[in-house]
Protein backbone atom coordinates (compact mmCIF):
# COMPACT_ATOMS: atom_id res chain seq x y z
CA MET A 1 0.00 0.00 0.00
CA PRO A 2 2.11 2.90 -1.23
CA SER A 3 -0.08 5.57 0.40
CA LEU A 4 0.22 4.21 3.95
CA GLN A 5 1.07 7.04 6.38
CA ASN A 6 0.50 8.74 9.74
CA HIS A 7 1.16 5.80 12.08
CA ARG A 8 0.14 6.35 15.70
CA PRO A 9 -0.59 4.13 18.72
CA ALA A 10 -4.11 3.00 19.47
CA LYS A 11 -5.99 0.82 21.93
CA ALA A 12 -8.91 -1.51 21.29
CA GLN A 13 -11.16 -3.12 23.92
CA GLY A 14 -12.74 -6.55 23.61
CA TRP A 15 -10.27 -8.05 21.14
CA ARG A 16 -7.56 -10.70 21.49
CA ARG A 17 -4.53 -11.39 19.27
CA VAL A 18 -4.11 -15.07 18.33
CA PHE A 19 -1.68 -16.92 16.07
CA SER A 20 -4.57 -18.72 14.41
CA LEU A 21 -4.11 -18.44 10.63
CA VAL A 22 -1.91 -20.63 8.43
CA GLY A 23 0.46 -18.21 6.66
CA ILE A 24 -0.06 -18.90 2.98
CA ASN A 25 2.53 -16.34 1.86
CA SER A 26 5.29 -18.50 3.36
CA MET A 27 3.77 -21.58 1.76
CA ARG A 28 3.77 -19.82 -1.60
CA ARG A 29 7.43 -18.80 -1.34
CA HIS A 30 8.48 -22.36 -0.45
CA TYR A 31 6.31 -23.74 -3.26
CA GLU A 32 8.06 -21.50 -5.79
CA ARG A 33 11.52 -22.42 -4.46
CA ASN A 34 10.76 -26.14 -4.58
CA ARG A 35 9.48 -26.29 -8.15
CA GLY A 36 5.84 -26.78 -7.39
CA ASN A 37 6.08 -29.28 -4.55
CA PRO A 38 3.54 -28.23 -1.88
CA ALA A 39 4.69 -30.98 0.48
CA ALA A 40 8.05 -29.23 0.89
CA TRP A 41 6.62 -26.99 3.60
CA ALA A 42 3.01 -27.96 4.19
CA ASP A 43 3.89 -30.41 6.97
CA LYS A 44 5.70 -27.81 9.08
CA ILE A 45 3.68 -26.58 12.01
CA GLU A 46 5.62 -23.30 12.53
CA CYS A 47 3.46 -21.53 9.98
CA ALA A 48 0.98 -19.44 12.02
CA VAL A 49 0.44 -15.70 11.59
CA LEU A 50 -1.71 -13.32 13.60
CA ALA A 51 -5.37 -12.47 13.64
CA ILE A 52 -7.60 -10.80 16.21
CA ARG A 53 -10.87 -12.21 17.48
CA PRO A 54 -13.59 -10.79 19.73
CA GLU A 55 -13.20 -11.59 23.43
CA SER A 56 -15.07 -9.43 25.91
CA ALA A 57 -12.82 -10.17 28.90
CA ALA A 58 -9.51 -9.75 27.04
CA PRO A 59 -7.05 -7.11 28.29
CA PRO A 60 -6.82 -3.93 26.18
CA LEU A 61 -5.08 -4.55 22.87
CA LEU A 62 -2.37 -2.05 21.89
CA GLY A 63 -1.75 -1.58 18.19
CA VAL A 64 -1.23 1.02 15.46
CA LEU A 65 -3.57 3.26 13.51
CA PHE A 66 -2.53 4.33 10.04
CA GLU A 67 -4.11 5.99 7.02
CA ILE A 68 -4.26 5.00 3.38
CA SER A 69 -5.77 6.69 0.36
CA VAL A 70 -9.27 5.79 -0.82
CA ALA A 71 -7.69 4.59 -4.07
CA ASP A 72 -5.65 2.01 -2.16
CA PHE A 73 -8.50 0.62 -0.08
CA ASP A 74 -9.30 -2.10 -2.63
CA SER A 75 -5.64 -3.16 -2.54
CA PHE A 76 -5.86 -3.30 1.26
CA LYS A 77 -8.88 -5.61 1.05
CA LYS A 78 -7.19 -7.84 -1.54
CA ARG A 79 -4.04 -8.07 0.58
CA GLU A 80 -6.06 -9.15 3.61
CA ALA A 81 -8.50 -11.37 1.70
CA ARG A 82 -8.12 -14.34 4.05
CA TYR A 83 -9.51 -12.27 6.93
CA LYS A 84 -12.95 -10.81 7.62
CA LEU A 85 -12.96 -7.02 7.14
CA MET A 86 -14.67 -5.10 9.96
CA GLU A 87 -14.99 -1.53 11.20
CA ILE A 88 -14.38 -1.27 14.95
CA ASP A 89 -14.08 1.37 17.65
CA CYS A 90 -10.62 2.14 19.01
CA GLU A 91 -8.91 4.86 21.01
CA ASP A 92 -6.46 7.17 19.23
CA LEU A 93 -3.77 7.53 21.92
CA PHE A 94 -2.10 10.47 20.18
CA ARG A 95 -5.36 12.38 20.33
CA GLY A 96 -6.17 12.05 23.98
CA GLY A 97 -7.86 8.67 23.68
CA ALA A 98 -10.53 9.95 21.31
CA VAL A 99 -12.70 7.08 20.03
CA VAL A 100 -12.46 6.66 16.26
CA LYS A 101 -13.80 4.19 13.72
CA ALA A 102 -11.14 2.12 11.98
CA TRP A 103 -11.13 -0.78 9.57
CA THR A 104 -9.35 -3.93 10.70
CA VAL A 105 -9.21 -7.59 9.73
CA VAL A 106 -10.35 -10.33 12.08
CA GLN A 107 -10.45 -14.10 12.41
CA GLN A 108 -13.15 -16.11 10.65
CA THR A 109 -14.02 -19.76 9.97
CA ASP A 110 -12.97 -21.82 6.97
CA ILE A 111 -16.57 -21.85 5.73
CA GLU A 112 -16.85 -18.06 6.00
CA PHE A 113 -13.64 -17.66 4.05
CA GLN A 114 -14.73 -20.02 1.28
CA VAL A 115 -18.12 -18.31 0.95
CA ALA A 116 -16.47 -14.88 0.75
CA LEU A 117 -14.00 -16.25 -1.80
CA MET A 118 -16.82 -17.51 -4.04
CA ASP A 119 -18.71 -14.22 -3.66
CA ARG A 120 -15.77 -12.27 -5.09
CA GLY A 121 -15.18 -14.81 -7.86
CA GLY A 122 -11.94 -16.21 -6.45
CA LYS A 123 -10.71 -19.76 -6.95
CA TYR A 124 -9.56 -21.72 -3.91
CA HIS A 125 -7.00 -23.78 -5.81
CA GLU A 126 -5.26 -20.73 -7.28
CA GLU A 127 -5.15 -18.78 -4.02
CA ILE A 128 -4.69 -21.57 -1.46
CA GLY A 129 -4.80 -25.11 -2.80
CA MET A 130 -1.70 -24.85 -4.97
CA TYR A 131 0.40 -24.15 -1.90
CA TYR A 132 -1.43 -25.90 0.92
CA PRO A 133 -3.34 -29.20 0.93
CA PRO A 134 -7.02 -28.31 0.40
CA GLN A 135 -8.22 -30.94 2.89
CA ARG A 136 -6.48 -29.09 5.75
CA SER A 137 -8.04 -26.31 7.74
CA LEU A 138 -6.79 -22.78 7.17
CA TRP A 139 -8.40 -21.12 10.20
CA GLU A 140 -9.33 -23.86 12.64
CA ARG A 141 -6.09 -25.69 13.43
CA THR A 142 -4.95 -25.70 17.06
CA ASP A 143 -1.58 -27.44 16.53
CA ILE A 144 0.22 -24.70 14.60
CA LEU A 145 2.97 -22.51 16.10
CA PRO A 146 4.12 -19.00 15.12
CA ASN A 147 6.25 -18.62 12.02
CA PRO A 148 9.66 -17.80 13.59
CA ALA A 149 10.64 -15.02 11.17
CA TYR A 150 7.19 -13.48 11.39
CA LEU A 151 7.15 -13.65 15.20
CA GLU A 152 10.52 -11.95 15.38
CA LYS A 153 9.25 -9.10 13.20
CA CYS A 154 6.24 -8.69 15.49
CA ILE A 155 8.48 -8.47 18.55
CA THR A 156 10.84 -6.03 16.83
CA ALA A 157 7.91 -3.82 15.86
CA ALA A 158 6.47 -3.89 19.38
CA LYS A 159 9.83 -2.87 20.85
CA ALA A 160 10.20 -0.09 18.29
CA LEU A 161 6.75 1.23 19.21
CA ASP A 162 7.80 1.20 22.87
CA ARG A 163 10.87 3.27 22.08
CA HIS A 164 8.67 5.93 20.51
CA THR A 165 5.73 5.84 22.92
CA GLY A 166 6.70 4.15 26.20
CA LEU A 167 3.26 2.51 26.32
CA GLY A 168 4.38 -1.05 27.11
CA CYS A 169 3.48 -2.44 23.68
CA HIS A 170 6.04 -5.23 23.88
CA GLU A 171 4.76 -6.43 27.25
CA ASN A 172 1.18 -6.19 25.98
CA PHE A 173 2.09 -8.30 22.96
CA VAL A 174 4.00 -11.13 24.68
CA LYS A 175 1.76 -11.39 27.78
CA PHE A 176 -1.65 -11.34 26.11
CA THR A 177 -1.17 -12.77 22.61
CA LEU A 178 -2.18 -16.44 22.43
CA LEU A 179 -1.05 -19.34 20.29
CA ALA A 180 -3.55 -21.32 18.24
CA ASP A 181 -4.24 -23.64 21.17
CA GLY A 182 -6.02 -20.72 22.86
CA ARG A 183 -4.07 -21.15 26.12
CA THR A 184 -0.35 -20.59 25.63
CA THR A 185 0.86 -16.98 25.60
CA VAL A 186 3.75 -15.78 23.45
CA GLU A 187 5.69 -15.13 26.66
CA GLN A 188 5.26 -18.75 27.76
CA TYR A 189 6.16 -20.01 24.29
CA LEU A 190 9.34 -17.93 24.15
CA GLY A 191 10.26 -19.01 27.65
CA ARG A 192 10.54 -22.62 26.58
CA ASN A 193 11.49 -22.09 22.93
CA GLU A 194 13.53 -19.01 22.08
CA PRO A 195 13.31 -17.71 18.50
CA ASP A 196 16.06 -18.51 16.00
CA GLY A 197 18.92 -16.47 14.64
CA ASP A 198 19.11 -14.62 11.27
CA ASP A 199 15.79 -14.97 9.32
CA GLY A 200 17.15 -13.48 6.12
CA LYS A 201 16.20 -10.08 7.41
CA GLY A 202 17.85 -9.61 10.76
CA GLY A 203 17.61 -10.84 14.34
CA ALA A 204 19.72 -12.65 16.85
CA ALA A 205 20.08 -16.31 17.74
CA LYS A 206 19.54 -17.03 21.42
CA ASP A 207 21.21 -20.00 23.06
CA PRO A 208 20.09 -21.22 26.49
CA PRO A 209 21.38 -19.17 29.43
CA PRO A 210 25.03 -19.95 30.19
CA PRO A 211 25.04 -23.17 32.21
CA PRO A 212 26.97 -23.42 35.48
CA ASN A 213 30.60 -24.51 35.30
CA VAL A 214 29.72 -28.11 35.99
CA ASN A 215 27.78 -28.24 32.69
CA ASP A 216 30.35 -26.43 30.54
CA THR A 217 32.62 -28.34 28.19
CA TRP A 218 36.18 -27.91 29.45
CA TYR A 219 39.45 -29.11 27.98
CA HIS A 220 42.89 -29.01 29.54
CA CYS A 221 46.41 -29.44 28.29
CA GLU A 222 49.93 -28.42 29.16
CA GLY A 223 50.90 -25.18 27.53
CA THR A 224 54.32 -23.60 27.08
CA GLY A 225 56.69 -24.70 29.86
CA LYS A 226 54.20 -27.38 30.95
CA VAL A 227 51.89 -24.73 32.43
CA PRO A 228 48.31 -26.13 32.68
CA GLN A 229 45.74 -24.35 30.51
CA PHE A 230 41.98 -24.68 30.70
CA TRP A 231 39.73 -24.05 27.75
CA ASN A 232 35.99 -23.40 27.86
CA ALA A 233 34.75 -24.65 24.50
CA ARG A 234 31.41 -22.90 24.94
CA THR A 235 32.71 -19.36 25.39
CA GLY A 236 36.12 -19.64 23.75
CA VAL A 237 37.87 -18.37 26.89
CA LEU A 238 41.29 -19.73 27.85
CA MET A 239 42.24 -19.77 31.56
CA LEU A 240 45.50 -20.47 33.37
CA ASN A 241 43.69 -21.46 36.57
CA PRO A 242 41.06 -24.17 37.04
CA PRO A 243 37.50 -22.87 36.79
CA GLU A 244 35.97 -21.65 40.03
CA GLY A 245 33.34 -23.55 41.94
CA GLN A 246 32.68 -27.23 41.54
CA THR A 247 35.35 -28.76 39.33
CA PRO A 248 33.71 -29.57 35.97
CA PRO A 249 34.57 -32.65 33.94
CA LEU A 250 37.86 -31.90 32.16
CA LEU A 251 38.61 -33.54 28.81
CA LYS A 252 42.17 -33.88 27.63
CA LEU A 253 42.55 -31.84 24.47
CA PRO A 254 42.98 -34.28 21.55
CA PHE A 255 44.19 -31.53 19.21
CA HIS A 256 47.32 -29.45 19.28
CA PRO A 257 46.49 -26.33 21.37
CA GLU A 258 46.81 -24.07 18.32
CA ALA A 259 43.73 -25.79 16.91
CA VAL A 260 41.41 -24.10 19.36
CA TRP A 261 42.98 -21.01 20.90
CA ASP A 262 45.36 -18.17 20.21
CA PRO A 263 48.94 -18.51 21.43
CA ALA A 264 48.74 -14.90 22.64
CA THR A 265 46.07 -12.34 23.43
CA GLN A 266 45.93 -9.45 20.97
CA PRO A 267 45.23 -6.06 22.57
CA ASN A 268 43.27 -4.96 19.49
CA LEU A 269 39.79 -6.47 19.80
CA LYS A 270 39.15 -6.09 16.07
CA GLU A 271 42.28 -7.99 15.06
CA LEU A 272 41.08 -11.28 13.66
CA VAL A 273 42.75 -14.66 13.99
CA VAL A 274 43.41 -15.90 10.45
CA LYS A 275 44.88 -19.38 10.69
CA THR A 276 46.14 -21.81 8.05
CA PHE A 277 46.66 -25.41 9.20
CA ALA A 278 49.09 -27.91 7.64
CA SER A 279 48.96 -27.79 3.82
CA GLY A 280 46.06 -25.36 3.70
CA HIS A 281 44.32 -27.33 0.94
CA GLY A 282 41.11 -27.80 2.98
CA PRO A 283 38.01 -25.60 3.32
CA LEU A 284 37.76 -22.21 4.99
CA PHE A 285 35.71 -22.17 8.23
CA THR A 286 34.36 -18.95 9.75
CA ALA A 287 32.43 -18.25 12.97
CA PRO A 288 31.35 -14.58 13.00
CA HIS A 289 28.86 -14.94 15.89
CA SER A 290 31.07 -16.54 18.54
CA ILE A 291 30.87 -13.23 20.47
CA VAL A 292 28.15 -10.63 20.96
CA VAL A 293 28.23 -8.15 18.06
CA SER A 294 26.24 -5.00 17.26
CA ARG A 295 23.84 -4.65 14.36
CA ASP A 296 23.66 -0.92 13.67
CA ASN A 297 20.27 0.24 14.97
CA ASP A 298 18.97 -3.27 15.63
CA ALA A 299 19.37 -5.44 18.71
CA ASP A 300 22.79 -6.93 19.41
CA HIS A 301 23.35 -10.38 17.96
CA LYS A 302 23.92 -12.76 20.87
CA ALA A 303 26.90 -15.09 21.01
CA GLU A 304 26.42 -18.54 19.48
CA SER A 305 28.10 -20.94 21.87
CA PHE A 306 30.81 -23.39 20.73
CA THR A 307 30.99 -21.99 17.17
CA MET A 308 34.58 -20.70 17.44
CA PHE A 309 35.78 -24.00 18.91
CA ILE A 310 34.03 -25.96 16.14
CA ALA A 311 35.37 -23.73 13.34
CA ARG A 312 38.97 -23.89 14.55
CA ALA A 313 38.85 -27.65 15.23
CA LEU A 314 37.31 -28.38 11.80
CA ALA A 315 39.94 -26.28 10.06
CA PHE A 316 42.75 -28.00 11.97
CA SER A 317 41.47 -31.50 11.22
CA SER A 318 40.86 -30.79 7.52
CA SER A 319 44.17 -28.97 6.85
CA GLY A 320 42.12 -25.91 6.07
CA HIS A 321 41.75 -22.34 7.27
CA SER A 322 39.77 -20.53 9.93
CA ILE A 323 38.88 -16.91 10.57
CA THR A 324 37.60 -16.07 14.06
CA TRP A 325 37.53 -13.28 16.61
CA ASN A 326 40.57 -13.20 18.89
CA GLN A 327 40.94 -14.38 22.48
CA ALA A 328 40.63 -10.87 23.96
CA ALA A 329 37.29 -10.39 22.23
CA HIS A 330 36.00 -13.70 23.58
CA VAL A 331 37.09 -12.88 27.13
CA THR A 332 35.39 -9.48 26.99
CA SER A 333 32.21 -10.84 25.40
CA SER A 334 31.92 -13.62 27.97
CA ALA A 335 32.29 -11.10 30.79
CA CYS A 336 29.89 -8.37 29.67
CA GLU A 337 27.45 -10.29 27.36
CA VAL A 338 26.75 -7.15 25.27
CA ALA A 339 28.32 -5.73 22.11
CA PHE A 340 31.45 -3.71 22.86
CA GLY A 341 34.43 -1.97 21.31
CA GLY A 342 32.65 -1.11 18.07
CA LEU A 343 32.60 -4.76 16.99
CA ARG A 344 29.88 -4.96 14.34
CA ASP A 345 28.26 -8.05 12.91
CA PRO A 346 30.16 -9.07 9.74
CA ASN A 347 27.05 -11.04 8.77
CA TYR A 348 24.99 -7.82 8.62
CA LEU A 349 27.09 -5.40 6.55
CA ARG A 350 25.82 -2.63 4.32
CA ARG A 351 26.72 -3.38 0.73
CA ASP A 352 28.70 -0.16 0.40
CA GLU A 353 31.01 -1.16 3.28
CA ALA A 354 31.32 -4.91 2.83
CA SER A 355 34.42 -4.91 0.62
CA ASN A 356 36.42 -2.96 3.23
CA ASN A 357 35.32 -4.96 6.27
CA GLU A 358 38.08 -6.73 8.21
CA TRP A 359 36.42 -10.12 7.72
CA VAL A 360 36.19 -9.69 3.96
CA SER A 361 39.77 -8.41 3.88
CA ALA A 362 40.83 -11.53 5.78
CA MET A 363 39.11 -13.76 3.22
CA LYS A 364 40.86 -11.85 0.43
CA SER A 365 44.20 -12.35 2.16
CA LEU A 366 44.27 -16.11 1.52
CA THR A 367 46.01 -15.69 -1.84
CA THR A 368 49.38 -17.45 -1.75
CA GLY A 369 50.37 -21.03 -2.37
CA PRO A 370 47.57 -23.61 -2.08
CA ALA A 371 45.35 -20.92 -0.59
CA ALA A 372 45.06 -19.37 -4.05
CA ASP A 373 42.91 -22.32 -5.18
CA THR A 374 39.13 -22.15 -5.17
CA ARG A 375 37.91 -23.69 -1.92
CA LEU A 376 34.74 -24.58 -0.07
CA HIS A 377 33.78 -22.00 2.58
CA ILE A 378 31.71 -23.23 5.54
CA ASP A 379 30.25 -20.40 7.66
CA ILE A 380 29.22 -21.84 11.03
CA HIS A 381 26.22 -20.47 12.95
CA GLY A 382 24.02 -21.55 15.81
CA LYS A 383 20.29 -21.89 16.22
CA ALA A 384 18.12 -22.78 19.17
CA ASP A 385 16.85 -26.28 19.90
CA ARG A 386 13.31 -26.43 18.59
CA ALA A 387 10.85 -29.23 18.18
CA ASN A 388 9.97 -30.23 14.60
CA GLU A 389 13.14 -28.64 13.22
CA SER A 390 16.29 -30.21 11.84
CA HIS A 391 19.47 -30.41 13.89
CA CYS A 392 21.48 -28.83 11.06
CA ASP A 393 20.39 -26.44 8.31
CA VAL A 394 22.30 -25.94 5.06
CA GLY A 395 22.02 -22.53 3.37
CA VAL A 396 23.21 -21.83 -0.18
CA GLY A 397 21.40 -18.53 -0.74
CA ALA A 398 24.60 -16.65 -1.56
CA LEU A 399 25.55 -19.18 -4.24
CA ARG A 400 22.01 -19.06 -5.62
CA ALA A 401 22.12 -15.28 -5.91
CA LYS A 402 25.58 -15.31 -7.55
CA PHE A 403 25.53 -18.38 -9.81
CA GLY A 404 21.90 -19.49 -10.06
CA ASN A 405 19.90 -22.55 -9.04
CA GLU A 406 21.96 -25.24 -10.78
CA VAL A 407 25.17 -24.41 -8.92
CA ALA A 408 23.45 -23.77 -5.58
CA ASP A 409 21.41 -26.97 -5.70
CA GLU A 410 24.41 -29.16 -6.53
CA VAL A 411 26.67 -27.69 -3.84
CA GLY A 412 23.80 -27.87 -1.35
CA ARG A 413 23.23 -31.51 -2.23
CA LEU A 414 26.89 -32.49 -1.87
CA VAL A 415 27.37 -30.66 1.44
CA THR A 416 24.13 -32.09 2.81
CA GLU A 417 25.19 -35.63 1.92
CA ALA A 418 28.55 -35.08 3.63
CA LEU A 419 26.89 -33.76 6.79
CA VAL A 420 24.38 -36.61 6.87
CA ARG A 421 27.27 -39.08 6.82
CA ALA A 422 29.17 -37.16 9.51
CA LEU A 423 26.23 -36.43 11.83
CA GLN A 424 24.81 -39.94 11.96
CA GLY A 425 21.35 -39.91 13.50
CA GLN A 426 21.01 -36.11 13.21
CA SER A 427 18.65 -34.52 10.69
CA VAL A 428 19.98 -32.14 8.02
CA ASP A 429 17.69 -29.71 6.14
CA PRO A 430 19.01 -28.40 2.78
CA GLU A 431 15.93 -26.19 2.26
CA ALA A 432 15.91 -24.36 5.58
CA ARG A 433 14.43 -20.91 6.18
CA LEU A 434 17.83 -19.31 6.86
CA GLN A 435 19.82 -19.38 3.64
CA GLY A 436 22.66 -16.95 4.37
CA CYS A 437 21.50 -14.29 1.93
CA TRP A 438 20.05 -10.87 2.71
CA GLY A 439 17.96 -8.80 0.31
CA ARG A 440 19.14 -5.67 -1.43
CA HIS A 441 20.88 -3.66 1.22
CA ARG A 442 22.91 -6.07 3.36
CA TYR A 443 25.55 -8.75 2.88
CA THR A 444 26.13 -11.88 4.91
CA ILE A 445 29.60 -13.39 5.24
CA THR A 446 28.70 -15.91 2.55
CA GLN A 447 27.46 -13.18 0.19
CA SER A 448 30.72 -11.28 0.67
CA SER A 449 32.63 -14.51 0.10
CA SER A 450 30.73 -15.30 -3.10
CA LYS A 451 31.81 -11.98 -4.64
CA LEU A 452 35.55 -12.73 -4.37
CA THR A 453 37.30 -14.04 -7.49
CA GLN A 454 40.68 -15.48 -8.55
CA PRO A 455 42.12 -13.32 -11.37
CA ASP A 456 44.46 -16.12 -12.54
CA GLY A 457 42.04 -19.01 -12.02
CA ALA A 458 40.95 -21.74 -14.39
CA LEU A 459 37.95 -19.69 -15.56
CA GLY A 460 39.91 -16.50 -16.00
CA ASP A 461 39.03 -13.45 -13.97
CA THR A 462 35.58 -14.86 -13.12
CA THR A 463 36.98 -17.87 -11.25
CA PRO A 464 35.31 -17.92 -7.80
CA LYS A 465 37.65 -17.80 -4.82
CA TYR A 466 35.12 -19.52 -2.54
CA LEU A 467 32.00 -21.66 -2.79
CA PRO A 468 30.25 -20.45 0.40
CA VAL A 469 27.71 -22.44 2.41
CA GLN A 470 26.08 -21.39 5.69
CA ILE A 471 25.32 -24.11 8.20
CA GLU A 472 23.14 -23.61 11.30
CA LEU A 473 23.65 -26.07 14.14
CA GLN A 474 21.24 -26.56 17.01
CA TYR A 475 22.62 -25.80 20.48
CA SER A 476 22.53 -29.43 21.59
CA LEU A 477 24.38 -30.53 18.44
CA ARG A 478 27.07 -27.86 18.93
CA ARG A 479 27.58 -28.98 22.50
CA GLN A 480 27.72 -32.61 21.42
CA LEU A 481 30.34 -31.85 18.76
CA ALA A 482 32.43 -29.81 21.19
CA SER A 483 32.56 -32.71 23.65
CA ASN A 484 33.03 -35.45 21.05
CA PRO A 485 36.33 -34.92 19.20
CA ALA A 486 35.91 -38.14 17.23
CA GLN A 487 32.63 -36.95 15.71
CA LEU A 488 34.13 -33.53 15.05
CA LEU A 489 37.05 -35.19 13.25
CA GLY A 490 34.62 -37.21 11.13
CA MET A 491 32.77 -34.05 10.19
CA ALA A 492 36.05 -32.37 9.20
CA MET A 493 37.06 -35.31 7.01
CA GLU A 494 33.70 -35.43 5.24
CA LEU A 495 33.79 -31.69 4.49
CA ALA A 496 37.43 -31.87 3.37
CA GLU A 497 36.51 -34.61 0.87
CA CYS A 498 33.36 -32.76 -0.15
CA GLY A 499 35.30 -29.61 -1.14
CA PRO A 500 36.93 -30.97 -4.33
CA ARG A 501 33.65 -32.61 -5.40
CA CYS A 502 31.86 -29.26 -5.09
CA ILE A 503 34.63 -27.40 -6.92
CA ASN A 504 34.76 -29.91 -9.81
CA ALA A 505 30.99 -29.87 -10.22
CA VAL A 506 30.77 -26.08 -10.22
CA PHE A 507 33.71 -25.64 -12.61
CA GLU A 508 32.08 -28.07 -15.03
CA MET A 509 28.82 -26.11 -14.90
CA LEU A 510 30.45 -22.71 -15.30
CA SER A 511 32.73 -23.97 -18.11
CA ARG A 512 29.72 -25.39 -19.92
CA ARG A 513 27.92 -22.07 -19.62
CA ALA A 514 30.93 -20.23 -21.05
CA ARG A 515 31.11 -22.67 -23.98
CA GLU A 516 27.38 -22.27 -24.67
CA ILE A 517 27.70 -18.50 -24.68
CA ALA A 518 30.73 -18.67 -26.99
CA THR A 519 28.88 -21.06 -29.32
CA THR A 520 25.88 -18.73 -29.40
CA ILE A 521 28.07 -15.80 -30.36
CA THR A 522 29.90 -17.81 -33.02
CA ASN A 523 26.64 -19.01 -34.57
CA ALA A 524 25.34 -15.47 -34.64
CA GLY A 525 27.96 -14.59 -37.26
CA PRO A 526 30.03 -11.42 -37.49
CA ALA A 527 28.73 -8.42 -35.63
CA PRO A 528 27.64 -5.34 -37.62
CA PRO A 529 30.16 -2.49 -37.65
CA PRO A 530 29.83 -0.15 -34.68
CA ALA A 531 28.34 3.29 -35.07
CA ALA A 532 30.92 6.03 -35.36
CA ALA A 533 29.98 7.84 -32.17
CA ALA A 534 28.90 5.05 -29.80
CA PRO A 535 29.90 1.57 -28.62
CA PRO A 536 27.95 -1.38 -30.06
CA ARG A 537 24.36 -1.60 -28.79
CA ASN A 538 21.28 -3.57 -29.75
CA ASN A 539 17.88 -2.05 -30.46
CA SER A 540 16.92 -2.01 -26.77
CA GLY A 541 19.95 0.05 -25.85
CA GLN A 542 21.64 -2.92 -24.12
CA SER A 543 25.15 -4.12 -24.94
CA ARG A 544 25.41 -6.99 -27.43
CA PRO A 545 26.10 -10.51 -26.09
CA GLN A 546 29.72 -10.39 -27.26
CA ASP A 547 30.26 -7.29 -25.10
CA ARG A 548 29.20 -9.03 -21.89
CA ILE A 549 30.61 -12.53 -21.68
CA ALA A 550 33.18 -11.89 -18.97
CA SER A 551 31.23 -13.68 -16.24
CA PRO A 552 28.53 -16.35 -15.98
CA PRO A 553 25.01 -14.97 -15.54
CA ALA A 554 23.96 -14.35 -11.95
CA ALA A 555 20.48 -14.98 -10.57
CA ALA A 556 18.29 -11.90 -10.59
CA ALA A 557 17.66 -10.21 -7.26
CA PRO A 558 14.07 -10.48 -6.02
CA SER A 559 11.96 -7.38 -6.35
CA ARG A 560 10.56 -5.70 -3.27
CA ALA A 561 7.65 -3.42 -2.69
CA ASN A 562 8.02 0.07 -1.25
CA SER A 563 5.75 2.04 1.02
CA GLY A 564 5.04 5.74 1.18
CA GLY A 565 2.41 8.39 1.97
CA GLY A 566 -1.29 9.10 1.15
CA ARG A 567 -4.58 9.50 3.04
CA ARG A 568 -7.84 7.70 3.89
CA PRO A 569 -9.90 7.24 7.06
CA ALA A 570 -7.73 5.33 9.55
CA ALA A 571 -7.20 1.62 9.14
CA SER A 572 -6.20 -0.35 12.21
CA ARG A 573 -3.02 -2.38 12.23
CA GLN A 574 -3.13 -4.85 15.08
CA GLY A 575 -0.27 -6.98 13.86
CA GLY A 576 3.26 -7.20 12.48
CA GLY A 577 4.82 -8.41 9.25
CA ARG A 578 3.49 -8.53 5.71
CA GLY A 579 0.66 -10.32 4.04
CA GLY A 580 -2.18 -10.20 6.57
CA GLY A 581 -3.54 -7.93 9.27
CA GLY A 582 -0.83 -5.34 8.74
CA GLY A 583 2.31 -4.46 10.72
CA GLY A 584 3.01 -2.66 14.00
CA VAL A 585 2.87 -5.18 16.85
CA GLY A 586 1.15 -8.24 15.44
CA GLY A 587 -0.63 -9.91 12.47
CA GLY A 588 -0.75 -10.78 8.83
CA GLY A 589 -0.58 -13.81 6.60
């Protein structure tokens, strides 16, 4: 709705927010990504988006009023077509609590929706059935849980409204919004099941609260001069004295100490540890979220436990490379548990700054000897333990954006197969929600990595330096890996062997593309002579094919809608996110 404007807080009596609608927009996106296979996402229960329903005894509902132009009202109705449109009374809190009439969208039954759909000439299969099994209820399921990315946007919006108004919108949202079961509040749900990390558009992974020493994973070894050293694999902190309190179980470090910690503490917190192990022919492993980092104007990204230990150990065991924060940064992060020292999230960079970031510079620096070869890049992240989710997610969004579906699907398949072999008994999801690829304005580590090339490589100046893959590991799996060196070694070996397979497959695809383009140009015959005053162009004003064959075609970036100003009698936004009851502090679908 391009004319949306004049947001202001409002209060409605007698209404309750509920995560009661199956979010078809998410189903549609997954359907399109999976080549028309509705089963790829239809079985997931974390698909609910918000609605409001009448409830006389419900606490006051805080939301947002906004205005749109009369011309956009039909678009508003079409956007919210799965809801019932109603005009309700609410209090305009920026106008002294004056009662105003506002349009909003509310919960209905499946029958009501289907009748309304027929009345406006819609077809159920085209709008719903293509993406969601028609025999399943859209409005009356009680087993569904909030869509994690959508829920995080709701919470972010509620907190933003609090910053501007101080009305307690966040507390109102988490304490009084119910899940589809009609009993569990969002606060209770979050208390037992924290939301995940990056959703493709921001946020922070939240591990369980730091356990007491007795539950940490500790290693010990003799350092220089046979001085005992104690290593907390969860936090990345190295100690010269045994941990305080009850002595935790201590494992003897099976690796050389350089595998998992710095030999010295750098005073410069921003100075990264770039380490090459043995021959350096193996993959690159990165762990950008092993400490708390800032995200510009968004909430700090919390530390993802064990990720630095896992990255360094995998690199050591695969004769590869690792890039991590240094020991001083880990000590400080563990002590204060907030972002500090200007350390910003390298997985959340503006595009105009990414090429000069210290993490990207470190990836560029691997340019001599074997390190000059194209290599697999595994970016390690954490996610919370959640029911009905895989233990490990594989994300190839950066490869998809750079080289297209064929390359991304093949690398994703090969890495997934390697992880399945390594993580026996653990589930691996190659089509997870988090794919390691932002939209237009931000870069992840894997996006930055995908842009780097080898000028003297086998494919000329378009030879990729890295084939980046993001993997998200559940907390329990990270802890298991950190305390099971044998399994960690097996994972390193599988990924080391997977690297050449990925590289060979991608080079074959990119070489074939280059040959096809060259053949097309050859078959087209000689080009017409250029105009005297301009370089060669075709009738559309674009350069001819022979003027643009330096690199393989990249996948087009998805388009996005914009929002702006306009005017119409106030519409009520009781929700958050796109595709349903609006934004602010709750719903949509």
